[in-house]
Amino acid sequence: MEHECDTLPQWLTGTPQGAAGHASAAHPATPSAHPAYPAGTRDGVKPAHAAGASKTSARAAQGAARTGFLTLFTEEEIGTPPPAARRGAPLSGPLGRFGSTQDRIEFVRQRIRHLGFDSFSYTATRTSAHHKTMYVLSSYESQAWLTRYFRERYFELDPRVALASPTGLPLLWNTADMRADLPRAQARSERLGGLIDMLDAAGRKSGILIQMPLPEPELRACLCFNSEIGNPRWMTESIVAETLMFAHALHEFIWTHAKSVIGVAPAQPQSVALSKLQHAVLRAVVQGQRDKEIAYFLGLSPHNVDYHLRRLRQLFNVRNRVQLINVAQGYLS
């Protein structure tokens, strides 16, 4: 049957390990009665069997709406470009020339350390009027860090992201300046203070953040390089210039080769021809129904549901259920 991808709900039910787990107790998550970014607007038209839908189905849809905004992907999922693509890779994109994923990962790690940084994250964000979806490359960040950052929803108020230029200019940041600029409003100051404390405790005391424009207006990419050095003077003009060049190479490679991995819809999704049954299965998936529920309400066997889901993933060129939902929302609308 279908395998769920590594998404935020799996983390929300667990506890980070090691020091990060103890730090989490010091700064408990702040619950929000109305999440700022629900996972998407479900289609308003109810299917014929909606009147008999079970409470389990409602809970599944509700859970998807609360936490389906985050998808992780790795370098292994991106894979290695075919030889023809590697031979044609421009000099400005050296990452495409590696013959194996592990060689590329080791090169990136060495380059990050050479520049003076300890970790790196890449986030692609799609934002619309009612929906925000984030895709995070997790190969160069610790899971403990990502767990706390997203579980406590610090991405909603991170001043580094808010202050970064959307045109690709680098933003130099350090936690000392962030602490000095804390707002006077007590509630927001406490939340931001929690983020800054977490940055300091995790050895992320300074760094460079770069937002890259993307071809689609609702998409943007954010690259963040982190260092445990507290004094920002170490980031000289030459280091900033080298980091910016490397960031462009990373962004070019990821955006070129990870489109299907992060669930970006095909250029013309309306051109995908579906049968009535495939359309019904797709709509049920978007509404948050599980495989057994889809089989029950559509009168199918679990084996047939699994077949149709595999076929839908092939038609929309995606790899898992979350990516299929992200693509299908635009298709069904």
C-alpha atoms as a PDB file:
ATOM      1  CA  MET A   1       0.000   0.000   0.000  1.00  0.00           C
ATOM      2  CA  GLU A   2       0.963   3.655  -0.216  1.00  0.00           C
ATOM      3  CA  HIS A   3       3.801   4.856   1.974  1.00  0.00           C
ATOM      4  CA  GLU A   4       3.468   8.199   3.727  1.00  0.00           C
ATOM      5  CA  CYS A   5       6.328  10.618   3.158  1.00  0.00           C
ATOM      6  CA  ASP A   6       8.344  12.180   5.987  1.00  0.00           C
ATOM      7  CA  THR A   7       6.175  15.130   6.998  1.00  0.00           C
ATOM      8  CA  LEU A   8       5.608  17.247  10.059  1.00  0.00           C
ATOM      9  CA  PRO A   9       2.825  15.181  11.713  1.00  0.00           C
ATOM     10  CA  GLN A  10       5.299  12.349  12.310  1.00  0.00           C
ATOM     11  CA  TRP A  11       7.506  14.756  14.271  1.00  0.00           C
ATOM     12  CA  LEU A  12       4.719  16.366  16.239  1.00  0.00           C
ATOM     13  CA  THR A  13       3.946  13.094  17.976  1.00  0.00           C
ATOM     14  CA  GLY A  14       7.569  12.477  18.995  1.00  0.00           C
ATOM     15  CA  THR A  15      10.226  14.101  21.164  1.00  0.00           C
ATOM     16  CA  PRO A  16      13.574  15.362  19.834  1.00  0.00           C
ATOM     17  CA  GLN A  17      16.539  13.401  21.094  1.00  0.00           C
ATOM     18  CA  GLY A  18      19.540  14.610  23.085  1.00  0.00           C
ATOM     19  CA  ALA A  19      20.130  18.188  24.112  1.00  0.00           C
ATOM     20  CA  ALA A  20      17.494  19.485  21.739  1.00  0.00           C
ATOM     21  CA  GLY A  21      14.889  17.475  23.599  1.00  0.00           C
ATOM     22  CA  HIS A  22      15.813  19.088  26.928  1.00  0.00           C
ATOM     23  CA  ALA A  23      15.830  22.519  25.329  1.00  0.00           C
ATOM     24  CA  SER A  24      12.340  21.926  24.029  1.00  0.00           C
ATOM     25  CA  ALA A  25      11.054  21.571  27.564  1.00  0.00           C
ATOM     26  CA  ALA A  26      12.444  25.002  28.379  1.00  0.00           C
ATOM     27  CA  HIS A  27      10.552  26.551  25.481  1.00  0.00           C
ATOM     28  CA  PRO A  28       7.277  24.660  25.012  1.00  0.00           C
ATOM     29  CA  ALA A  29       5.418  25.044  21.786  1.00  0.00           C
ATOM     30  CA  THR A  30       2.864  27.807  21.691  1.00  0.00           C
ATOM     31  CA  PRO A  31      -0.424  26.357  20.466  1.00  0.00           C
ATOM     32  CA  SER A  32      -2.436  28.289  17.949  1.00  0.00           C
ATOM     33  CA  ALA A  33      -6.197  27.980  17.772  1.00  0.00           C
ATOM     34  CA  HIS A  34      -6.114  29.231  14.181  1.00  0.00           C
ATOM     35  CA  PRO A  35      -3.002  28.085  12.276  1.00  0.00           C
ATOM     36  CA  ALA A  36      -1.677  30.920  10.122  1.00  0.00           C
ATOM     37  CA  TYR A  37      -1.053  28.657   7.150  1.00  0.00           C
ATOM     38  CA  PRO A  38      -3.529  25.780   6.735  1.00  0.00           C
ATOM     39  CA  ALA A  39      -2.549  23.038   4.322  1.00  0.00           C
ATOM     40  CA  GLY A  40      -4.982  24.197   1.673  1.00  0.00           C
ATOM     41  CA  THR A  41      -8.539  24.936   0.807  1.00  0.00           C
ATOM     42  CA  ARG A  42     -10.551  21.827   0.173  1.00  0.00           C
ATOM     43  CA  ASP A  43     -12.994  21.785  -2.710  1.00  0.00           C
ATOM     44  CA  GLY A  44     -16.373  23.093  -1.623  1.00  0.00           C
ATOM     45  CA  VAL A  45     -18.357  20.561  -3.685  1.00  0.00           C
ATOM     46  CA  LYS A  46     -19.139  17.486  -1.596  1.00  0.00           C
ATOM     47  CA  PRO A  47     -19.061  14.037  -3.206  1.00  0.00           C
ATOM     48  CA  ALA A  48     -22.203  11.945  -3.365  1.00  0.00           C
ATOM     49  CA  HIS A  49     -21.158   9.851  -0.368  1.00  0.00           C
ATOM     50  CA  ALA A  50     -20.336  12.846   1.856  1.00  0.00           C
ATOM     51  CA  ALA A  51     -23.454  12.409   3.966  1.00  0.00           C
ATOM     52  CA  GLY A  52     -22.258   9.008   5.103  1.00  0.00           C
ATOM     53  CA  ALA A  53     -18.635   9.950   5.712  1.00  0.00           C
ATOM     54  CA  SER A  54     -17.216   8.584   8.938  1.00  0.00           C
ATOM     55  CA  LYS A  55     -15.719  10.612  11.790  1.00  0.00           C
ATOM     56  CA  THR A  56     -12.391   9.014  10.956  1.00  0.00           C
ATOM     57  CA  SER A  57     -12.488  10.632   7.543  1.00  0.00           C
ATOM     58  CA  ALA A  58     -13.226  14.027   9.094  1.00  0.00           C
ATOM     59  CA  ARG A  59     -10.323  13.672  11.499  1.00  0.00           C
ATOM     60  CA  ALA A  60      -8.016  12.684   8.661  1.00  0.00           C
ATOM     61  CA  ALA A  61      -8.992  15.729   6.623  1.00  0.00           C
ATOM     62  CA  GLN A  62      -8.646  17.984   9.656  1.00  0.00           C
ATOM     63  CA  GLY A  63      -5.193  16.607  10.429  1.00  0.00           C
ATOM     64  CA  ALA A  64      -4.083  17.141   6.857  1.00  0.00           C
ATOM     65  CA  ALA A  65      -5.278  20.739   6.976  1.00  0.00           C
ATOM     66  CA  ARG A  66      -3.322  21.472  10.129  1.00  0.00           C
ATOM     67  CA  THR A  67       0.020  19.937   9.359  1.00  0.00           C
ATOM     68  CA  GLY A  68       0.249  19.051   5.673  1.00  0.00           C
ATOM     69  CA  PHE A  69       2.152  22.204   4.825  1.00  0.00           C
ATOM     70  CA  LEU A  70       5.644  20.687   5.235  1.00  0.00           C
ATOM     71  CA  THR A  71       7.477  18.158   3.068  1.00  0.00           C
ATOM     72  CA  LEU A  72      11.083  17.076   3.503  1.00  0.00           C
ATOM     73  CA  PHE A  73      13.247  15.923   0.637  1.00  0.00           C
ATOM     74  CA  THR A  74      16.850  14.740   0.497  1.00  0.00           C
ATOM     75  CA  GLU A  75      19.753  14.706  -1.927  1.00  0.00           C
ATOM     76  CA  GLU A  76      19.128  10.989  -2.405  1.00  0.00           C
ATOM     77  CA  GLU A  77      15.622  11.755  -3.660  1.00  0.00           C
ATOM     78  CA  ILE A  78      17.002  14.272  -6.140  1.00  0.00           C
ATOM     79  CA  GLY A  79      19.404  11.604  -7.351  1.00  0.00           C
ATOM     80  CA  THR A  80      22.040  11.999 -10.046  1.00  0.00           C
ATOM     81  CA  PRO A  81      21.345  13.717 -13.375  1.00  0.00           C
ATOM     82  CA  PRO A  82      21.775  11.462 -16.436  1.00  0.00           C
ATOM     83  CA  PRO A  83      25.191  11.536 -18.181  1.00  0.00           C
ATOM     84  CA  ALA A  84      23.895  13.705 -21.025  1.00  0.00           C
ATOM     85  CA  ALA A  85      22.693  16.338 -18.546  1.00  0.00           C
ATOM     86  CA  ARG A  86      26.010  16.206 -16.653  1.00  0.00           C
ATOM     87  CA  ARG A  87      28.019  16.736 -19.845  1.00  0.00           C
ATOM     88  CA  GLY A  88      25.873  19.723 -20.731  1.00  0.00           C
ATOM     89  CA  ALA A  89      26.018  21.310 -17.266  1.00  0.00           C
ATOM     90  CA  PRO A  90      27.338  24.888 -17.427  1.00  0.00           C
ATOM     91  CA  LEU A  91      30.492  25.866 -15.581  1.00  0.00           C
ATOM     92  CA  SER A  92      28.361  27.891 -13.162  1.00  0.00           C
ATOM     93  CA  GLY A  93      26.588  24.686 -12.121  1.00  0.00           C
ATOM     94  CA  PRO A  94      29.316  22.258 -10.981  1.00  0.00           C
ATOM     95  CA  LEU A  95      26.961  20.181  -8.819  1.00  0.00           C
ATOM     96  CA  GLY A  96      25.466  18.561 -11.900  1.00  0.00           C
ATOM     97  CA  ARG A  97      28.815  17.088 -12.906  1.00  0.00           C
ATOM     98  CA  PHE A  98      29.073  14.574 -10.063  1.00  0.00           C
ATOM     99  CA  GLY A  99      28.488  10.961 -11.010  1.00  0.00           C
ATOM    100  CA  SER A 100      27.023   9.956  -7.633  1.00  0.00           C
ATOM    101  CA  THR A 101      24.831  11.526  -4.999  1.00  0.00           C
ATOM    102  CA  GLN A 102      27.334  10.810  -2.217  1.00  0.00           C
ATOM    103  CA  ASP A 103      30.127  12.604  -4.084  1.00  0.00           C
ATOM    104  CA  ARG A 104      27.884  15.630  -4.492  1.00  0.00           C
ATOM    105  CA  ILE A 105      26.884  15.590  -0.803  1.00  0.00           C
ATOM    106  CA  GLU A 106      30.516  15.399   0.315  1.00  0.00           C
ATOM    107  CA  PHE A 107      31.467  18.270  -2.009  1.00  0.00           C
ATOM    108  CA  VAL A 108      28.688  20.472  -0.635  1.00  0.00           C
ATOM    109  CA  ARG A 109      29.634  19.679   2.964  1.00  0.00           C
ATOM    110  CA  GLN A 110      33.297  20.453   2.333  1.00  0.00           C
ATOM    111  CA  ARG A 111      32.405  23.688   0.590  1.00  0.00           C
ATOM    112  CA  ILE A 112      30.129  24.757   3.460  1.00  0.00           C
ATOM    113  CA  ARG A 113      32.929  24.113   5.980  1.00  0.00           C
ATOM    114  CA  HIS A 114      35.486  25.871   3.761  1.00  0.00           C
ATOM    115  CA  LEU A 115      33.331  29.000   3.737  1.00  0.00           C
ATOM    116  CA  GLY A 116      33.216  28.903   7.555  1.00  0.00           C
ATOM    117  CA  PHE A 117      29.676  27.596   8.107  1.00  0.00           C
ATOM    118  CA  ASP A 118      28.495  24.602  10.110  1.00  0.00           C
ATOM    119  CA  SER A 119      25.113  23.874   8.529  1.00  0.00           C
ATOM    120  CA  PHE A 120      22.922  24.840   5.597  1.00  0.00           C
ATOM    121  CA  SER A 121      19.225  24.672   4.749  1.00  0.00           C
ATOM    122  CA  TYR A 122      17.236  25.148   1.556  1.00  0.00           C
ATOM    123  CA  THR A 123      13.509  25.871   1.676  1.00  0.00           C
ATOM    124  CA  ALA A 124      11.176  26.317  -1.280  1.00  0.00           C
ATOM    125  CA  THR A 125       7.870  27.960  -0.315  1.00  0.00           C
ATOM    126  CA  ARG A 126       4.665  28.179  -2.317  1.00  0.00           C
ATOM    127  CA  THR A 127       2.246  30.795  -0.977  1.00  0.00           C
ATOM    128  CA  SER A 128      -1.290  31.550  -2.133  1.00  0.00           C
ATOM    129  CA  ALA A 129      -4.231  33.374  -0.573  1.00  0.00           C
ATOM    130  CA  HIS A 130      -5.301  30.379   1.542  1.00  0.00           C
ATOM    131  CA  HIS A 131      -2.437  27.927   1.396  1.00  0.00           C
ATOM    132  CA  LYS A 132       1.247  27.776   2.266  1.00  0.00           C
ATOM    133  CA  THR A 133       3.410  24.767   1.424  1.00  0.00           C
ATOM    134  CA  MET A 134       7.088  24.406   2.351  1.00  0.00           C
ATOM    135  CA  TYR A 135       9.634  21.964   0.919  1.00  0.00           C
ATOM    136  CA  VAL A 136      12.841  21.596   2.944  1.00  0.00           C
ATOM    137  CA  LEU A 137      16.102  19.964   1.898  1.00  0.00           C
ATOM    138  CA  SER A 138      17.142  18.109   5.049  1.00  0.00           C
ATOM    139  CA  SER A 139      20.489  16.627   3.977  1.00  0.00           C
ATOM    140  CA  TYR A 140      22.612  19.358   5.594  1.00  0.00           C
ATOM    141  CA  GLU A 141      20.572  20.124   8.730  1.00  0.00           C
ATOM    142  CA  SER A 142      19.947  18.142  11.906  1.00  0.00           C
ATOM    143  CA  GLN A 143      16.508  16.613  12.384  1.00  0.00           C
ATOM    144  CA  ALA A 144      16.442  17.887  15.990  1.00  0.00           C
ATOM    145  CA  TRP A 145      16.768  21.457  14.720  1.00  0.00           C
ATOM    146  CA  LEU A 146      14.159  21.105  11.990  1.00  0.00           C
ATOM    147  CA  THR A 147      11.809  19.389  14.425  1.00  0.00           C
ATOM    148  CA  ARG A 148      11.777  22.266  16.898  1.00  0.00           C
ATOM    149  CA  TYR A 149      11.835  25.026  14.284  1.00  0.00           C
ATOM    150  CA  PHE A 150       8.700  23.787  12.538  1.00  0.00           C
ATOM    151  CA  ARG A 151       6.937  22.211  15.502  1.00  0.00           C
ATOM    152  CA  GLU A 152       7.086  25.514  17.382  1.00  0.00           C
ATOM    153  CA  ARG A 153       6.247  27.398  14.148  1.00  0.00           C
ATOM    154  CA  TYR A 154       9.197  29.770  14.369  1.00  0.00           C
ATOM    155  CA  PHE A 155       9.109  30.115  10.585  1.00  0.00           C
ATOM    156  CA  GLU A 156       6.029  32.332  11.055  1.00  0.00           C
ATOM    157  CA  LEU A 157       7.998  35.092  12.797  1.00  0.00           C
ATOM    158  CA  ASP A 158      11.647  34.498  11.878  1.00  0.00           C
ATOM    159  CA  PRO A 159      13.014  38.052  11.381  1.00  0.00           C
ATOM    160  CA  ARG A 160      15.821  36.781   9.157  1.00  0.00           C
ATOM    161  CA  VAL A 161      13.311  35.641   6.543  1.00  0.00           C
ATOM    162  CA  ALA A 162      11.185  38.778   6.951  1.00  0.00           C
ATOM    163  CA  LEU A 163      14.154  41.133   6.416  1.00  0.00           C
ATOM    164  CA  ALA A 164      15.796  39.294   3.512  1.00  0.00           C
ATOM    165  CA  SER A 165      15.552  40.891   0.100  1.00  0.00           C
ATOM    166  CA  PRO A 166      13.442  38.896  -2.394  1.00  0.00           C
ATOM    167  CA  THR A 167      15.903  39.780  -5.184  1.00  0.00           C
ATOM    168  CA  GLY A 168      18.766  37.520  -4.103  1.00  0.00           C
ATOM    169  CA  LEU A 169      20.843  40.006  -2.094  1.00  0.00           C
ATOM    170  CA  PRO A 170      22.505  38.385   0.953  1.00  0.00           C
ATOM    171  CA  LEU A 171      21.324  39.214   4.466  1.00  0.00           C
ATOM    172  CA  LEU A 172      24.028  38.981   7.160  1.00  0.00           C
ATOM    173  CA  TRP A 173      22.571  38.158  10.564  1.00  0.00           C
ATOM    174  CA  ASN A 174      23.706  37.375  14.100  1.00  0.00           C
ATOM    175  CA  THR A 175      21.789  36.556  17.256  1.00  0.00           C
ATOM    176  CA  ALA A 176      23.233  39.503  19.232  1.00  0.00           C
ATOM    177  CA  ASP A 177      21.672  42.009  16.809  1.00  0.00           C
ATOM    178  CA  MET A 178      18.459  39.986  16.692  1.00  0.00           C
ATOM    179  CA  ARG A 179      18.227  40.140  20.485  1.00  0.00           C
ATOM    180  CA  ALA A 180      18.907  43.892  20.512  1.00  0.00           C
ATOM    181  CA  ASP A 181      16.048  44.416  18.033  1.00  0.00           C
ATOM    182  CA  LEU A 182      13.432  42.500  20.021  1.00  0.00           C
ATOM    183  CA  PRO A 183      10.051  44.259  19.895  1.00  0.00           C
ATOM    184  CA  ARG A 184       8.502  45.786  22.974  1.00  0.00           C
ATOM    185  CA  ALA A 185       5.308  43.745  22.685  1.00  0.00           C
ATOM    186  CA  GLN A 186       5.734  41.130  25.398  1.00  0.00           C
ATOM    187  CA  ALA A 187       4.090  38.154  23.715  1.00  0.00           C
ATOM    188  CA  ARG A 188       5.969  38.568  20.440  1.00  0.00           C
ATOM    189  CA  SER A 189       9.190  39.374  22.290  1.00  0.00           C
ATOM    190  CA  GLU A 190       8.929  36.105  24.234  1.00  0.00           C
ATOM    191  CA  ARG A 191       8.365  34.112  21.059  1.00  0.00           C
ATOM    192  CA  LEU A 192      11.274  35.758  19.263  1.00  0.00           C
ATOM    193  CA  GLY A 193      13.399  35.369  22.371  1.00  0.00           C
ATOM    194  CA  GLY A 194      12.678  31.644  22.290  1.00  0.00           C
ATOM    195  CA  LEU A 195      13.851  31.478  18.680  1.00  0.00           C
ATOM    196  CA  ILE A 196      17.044  33.410  19.461  1.00  0.00           C
ATOM    197  CA  ASP A 197      17.766  31.212  22.507  1.00  0.00           C
ATOM    198  CA  MET A 198      17.325  28.150  20.322  1.00  0.00           C
ATOM    199  CA  LEU A 199      19.680  29.566  17.683  1.00  0.00           C
ATOM    200  CA  ASP A 200      22.356  30.246  20.308  1.00  0.00           C
ATOM    201  CA  ALA A 201      21.959  26.844  21.976  1.00  0.00           C
ATOM    202  CA  ALA A 202      22.224  25.042  18.632  1.00  0.00           C
ATOM    203  CA  GLY A 203      25.406  26.884  17.598  1.00  0.00           C
ATOM    204  CA  ARG A 204      23.696  29.083  15.020  1.00  0.00           C
ATOM    205  CA  LYS A 205      24.914  32.478  16.152  1.00  0.00           C
ATOM    206  CA  SER A 206      25.575  34.150  12.808  1.00  0.00           C
ATOM    207  CA  GLY A 207      25.193  33.496   9.130  1.00  0.00           C
ATOM    208  CA  ILE A 208      23.987  34.546   5.719  1.00  0.00           C
ATOM    209  CA  LEU A 209      20.433  34.164   4.416  1.00  0.00           C
ATOM    210  CA  ILE A 210      19.573  34.569   0.739  1.00  0.00           C
ATOM    211  CA  GLN A 211      16.137  34.572  -0.871  1.00  0.00           C
ATOM    212  CA  MET A 212      16.097  33.586  -4.524  1.00  0.00           C
ATOM    213  CA  PRO A 213      13.351  34.541  -6.958  1.00  0.00           C
ATOM    214  CA  LEU A 214      11.652  31.725  -8.849  1.00  0.00           C
ATOM    215  CA  PRO A 215       9.842  31.677 -12.203  1.00  0.00           C
ATOM    216  CA  GLU A 216       6.382  31.435 -10.624  1.00  0.00           C
ATOM    217  CA  PRO A 217       5.242  34.479  -8.604  1.00  0.00           C
ATOM    218  CA  GLU A 218       3.878  32.409  -5.698  1.00  0.00           C
ATOM    219  CA  LEU A 219       7.183  30.526  -5.281  1.00  0.00           C
ATOM    220  CA  ARG A 220      10.373  31.605  -3.526  1.00  0.00           C
ATOM    221  CA  ALA A 221      13.483  29.854  -2.266  1.00  0.00           C
ATOM    222  CA  CYS A 222      15.424  30.593   0.911  1.00  0.00           C
ATOM    223  CA  LEU A 223      19.024  29.476   1.502  1.00  0.00           C
ATOM    224  CA  CYS A 224      20.437  29.875   5.022  1.00  0.00           C
ATOM    225  CA  PHE A 225      24.091  29.316   5.985  1.00  0.00           C
ATOM    226  CA  ASN A 226      24.739  29.068   9.741  1.00  0.00           C
ATOM    227  CA  SER A 227      27.873  29.446  11.877  1.00  0.00           C
ATOM    228  CA  GLU A 228      28.606  29.007  15.584  1.00  0.00           C
ATOM    229  CA  ILE A 229      30.839  32.119  15.518  1.00  0.00           C
ATOM    230  CA  GLY A 230      29.042  34.890  17.381  1.00  0.00           C
ATOM    231  CA  ASN A 231      31.047  37.887  16.125  1.00  0.00           C
ATOM    232  CA  PRO A 232      29.780  38.726  12.613  1.00  0.00           C
ATOM    233  CA  ARG A 233      33.062  40.394  11.601  1.00  0.00           C
ATOM    234  CA  TRP A 234      34.362  37.056  10.329  1.00  0.00           C
ATOM    235  CA  MET A 235      31.990  37.356   7.358  1.00  0.00           C
ATOM    236  CA  THR A 236      34.239  39.482   5.142  1.00  0.00           C
ATOM    237  CA  GLU A 237      33.321  40.792   1.715  1.00  0.00           C
ATOM    238  CA  SER A 238      35.183  37.920   0.037  1.00  0.00           C
ATOM    239  CA  ILE A 239      33.331  35.296   2.139  1.00  0.00           C
ATOM    240  CA  VAL A 240      29.991  36.930   1.371  1.00  0.00           C
ATOM    241  CA  ALA A 241      30.812  36.989  -2.356  1.00  0.00           C
ATOM    242  CA  GLU A 242      31.929  33.335  -2.379  1.00  0.00           C
ATOM    243  CA  THR A 243      28.860  32.289  -0.384  1.00  0.00           C
ATOM    244  CA  LEU A 244      26.570  34.121  -2.792  1.00  0.00           C
ATOM    245  CA  MET A 245      28.159  32.399  -5.801  1.00  0.00           C
ATOM    246  CA  PHE A 246      27.868  28.999  -4.123  1.00  0.00           C
ATOM    247  CA  ALA A 247      24.250  29.719  -3.173  1.00  0.00           C
ATOM    248  CA  HIS A 248      23.415  30.438  -6.812  1.00  0.00           C
ATOM    249  CA  ALA A 249      25.017  27.118  -7.850  1.00  0.00           C
ATOM    250  CA  LEU A 250      23.039  25.229  -5.190  1.00  0.00           C
ATOM    251  CA  HIS A 251      19.807  26.962  -6.101  1.00  0.00           C
ATOM    252  CA  GLU A 252      20.297  26.328  -9.820  1.00  0.00           C
ATOM    253  CA  PHE A 253      20.941  22.620  -9.284  1.00  0.00           C
ATOM    254  CA  ILE A 254      18.121  22.032  -6.792  1.00  0.00           C
ATOM    255  CA  TRP A 255      15.526  23.931  -8.763  1.00  0.00           C
ATOM    256  CA  THR A 256      16.547  22.240 -12.021  1.00  0.00           C
ATOM    257  CA  HIS A 257      16.576  18.665 -10.733  1.00  0.00           C
ATOM    258  CA  ALA A 258      14.149  18.589  -7.777  1.00  0.00           C
ATOM    259  CA  LYS A 259      10.933  19.888  -9.343  1.00  0.00           C
ATOM    260  CA  SER A 260       9.172  16.530  -9.300  1.00  0.00           C
ATOM    261  CA  VAL A 261      10.606  15.685  -5.874  1.00  0.00           C
ATOM    262  CA  ILE A 262       9.095  18.743  -4.194  1.00  0.00           C
ATOM    263  CA  GLY A 263       5.735  18.334  -5.919  1.00  0.00           C
ATOM    264  CA  VAL A 264       5.754  21.249  -8.339  1.00  0.00           C
ATOM    265  CA  ALA A 265       2.851  20.825 -10.738  1.00  0.00           C
ATOM    266  CA  PRO A 266       3.467  20.139 -14.444  1.00  0.00           C
ATOM    267  CA  ALA A 267       3.440  23.198 -16.691  1.00  0.00           C
ATOM    268  CA  GLN A 268      -0.035  22.291 -17.988  1.00  0.00           C
ATOM    269  CA  PRO A 269      -1.704  20.091 -15.363  1.00  0.00           C
ATOM    270  CA  GLN A 270      -5.100  20.436 -17.068  1.00  0.00           C
ATOM    271  CA  SER A 271      -3.708  18.388 -19.983  1.00  0.00           C
ATOM    272  CA  VAL A 272      -3.678  15.238 -17.806  1.00  0.00           C
ATOM    273  CA  ALA A 273      -6.638  13.123 -18.891  1.00  0.00           C
ATOM    274  CA  LEU A 274      -8.327  11.188 -16.086  1.00  0.00           C
ATOM    275  CA  SER A 275     -11.144   8.706 -16.101  1.00  0.00           C
ATOM    276  CA  LYS A 276     -14.175   9.316 -13.879  1.00  0.00           C
ATOM    277  CA  LEU A 277     -12.890   6.748 -11.389  1.00  0.00           C
ATOM    278  CA  GLN A 278      -9.387   8.253 -11.319  1.00  0.00           C
ATOM    279  CA  HIS A 279     -10.935  11.679 -10.798  1.00  0.00           C
ATOM    280  CA  ALA A 280     -12.992  10.363  -7.875  1.00  0.00           C
ATOM    281  CA  VAL A 281      -9.933   8.733  -6.281  1.00  0.00           C
ATOM    282  CA  LEU A 282      -7.913  11.918  -6.712  1.00  0.00           C
ATOM    283  CA  ARG A 283     -10.631  14.058  -5.147  1.00  0.00           C
ATOM    284  CA  ALA A 284     -10.908  11.645  -2.207  1.00  0.00           C
ATOM    285  CA  VAL A 285      -7.141  11.854  -1.603  1.00  0.00           C
ATOM    286  CA  VAL A 286      -7.247  15.659  -1.595  1.00  0.00           C
ATOM    287  CA  GLN A 287     -10.110  15.545   0.912  1.00  0.00           C
ATOM    288  CA  GLY A 288      -7.869  13.626   3.309  1.00  0.00           C
ATOM    289  CA  GLN A 289      -9.380  10.152   3.015  1.00  0.00           C
ATOM    290  CA  ARG A 290      -7.208   7.108   3.650  1.00  0.00           C
ATOM    291  CA  ASP A 291      -6.914   4.133   1.309  1.00  0.00           C
ATOM    292  CA  LYS A 292      -9.459   1.985   3.200  1.00  0.00           C
ATOM    293  CA  GLU A 293     -11.986   4.832   3.242  1.00  0.00           C
ATOM    294  CA  ILE A 294     -11.533   5.422  -0.486  1.00  0.00           C
ATOM    295  CA  ALA A 295     -12.055   1.712  -1.140  1.00  0.00           C
ATOM    296  CA  TYR A 296     -15.213   1.635   1.022  1.00  0.00           C
ATOM    297  CA  PHE A 297     -16.937   4.691  -0.425  1.00  0.00           C
ATOM    298  CA  LEU A 298     -16.006   3.989  -4.062  1.00  0.00           C
ATOM    299  CA  GLY A 299     -16.721   0.255  -3.862  1.00  0.00           C
ATOM    300  CA  LEU A 300     -13.158  -0.773  -4.703  1.00  0.00           C
ATOM    301  CA  SER A 301     -10.729  -3.255  -3.243  1.00  0.00           C
ATOM    302  CA  PRO A 302      -7.638  -1.938  -1.410  1.00  0.00           C
ATOM    303  CA  HIS A 303      -5.558  -3.437  -4.226  1.00  0.00           C
ATOM    304  CA  ASN A 304      -7.468  -1.390  -6.827  1.00  0.00           C
ATOM    305  CA  VAL A 305      -7.052   1.806  -4.791  1.00  0.00           C
ATOM    306  CA  ASP A 306      -3.319   1.180  -4.556  1.00  0.00           C
ATOM    307  CA  TYR A 307      -3.167   0.660  -8.330  1.00  0.00           C
ATOM    308  CA  HIS A 308      -5.042   3.886  -9.076  1.00  0.00           C
ATOM    309  CA  LEU A 309      -2.829   5.867  -6.689  1.00  0.00           C
ATOM    310  CA  ARG A 310       0.314   4.528  -8.339  1.00  0.00           C
ATOM    311  CA  ARG A 311      -1.162   5.389 -11.742  1.00  0.00           C
ATOM    312  CA  LEU A 312      -2.042   8.931 -10.585  1.00  0.00           C
ATOM    313  CA  ARG A 313       1.487   9.485  -9.302  1.00  0.00           C
ATOM    314  CA  GLN A 314       2.815   8.455 -12.706  1.00  0.00           C
ATOM    315  CA  LEU A 315       0.410  10.738 -14.578  1.00  0.00           C
ATOM    316  CA  PHE A 316       1.288  13.767 -12.433  1.00  0.00           C
ATOM    317  CA  ASN A 317       4.996  12.898 -12.236  1.00  0.00           C
ATOM    318  CA  VAL A 318       5.196  12.914  -8.421  1.00  0.00           C
ATOM    319  CA  ARG A 319       6.672  10.466  -5.927  1.00  0.00           C
ATOM    320  CA  ASN A 320       4.382  10.310  -2.883  1.00  0.00           C
ATOM    321  CA  ARG A 321       0.972  11.174  -1.481  1.00  0.00           C
ATOM    322  CA  VAL A 322       1.779  14.689  -0.245  1.00  0.00           C
ATOM    323  CA  GLN A 323       3.226  15.687  -3.605  1.00  0.00           C
ATOM    324  CA  LEU A 324       0.152  14.266  -5.337  1.00  0.00           C
ATOM    325  CA  ILE A 325      -2.141  16.330  -3.077  1.00  0.00           C
ATOM    326  CA  ASN A 326      -0.160  19.510  -3.774  1.00  0.00           C
ATOM    327  CA  VAL A 327      -0.409  18.994  -7.528  1.00  0.00           C
ATOM    328  CA  ALA A 328      -4.027  17.812  -7.458  1.00  0.00           C
ATOM    329  CA  GLN A 329      -5.285  20.924  -5.632  1.00  0.00           C
ATOM    330  CA  GLY A 330      -4.405  23.061  -8.643  1.00  0.00           C
ATOM    331  CA  TYR A 331      -5.710  20.459 -11.092  1.00  0.00           C
ATOM    332  CA  LEU A 332      -9.103  20.043  -9.412  1.00  0.00           C
ATOM    333  CA  SER A 333      -9.604  23.789  -9.010  1.00  0.00           C
END
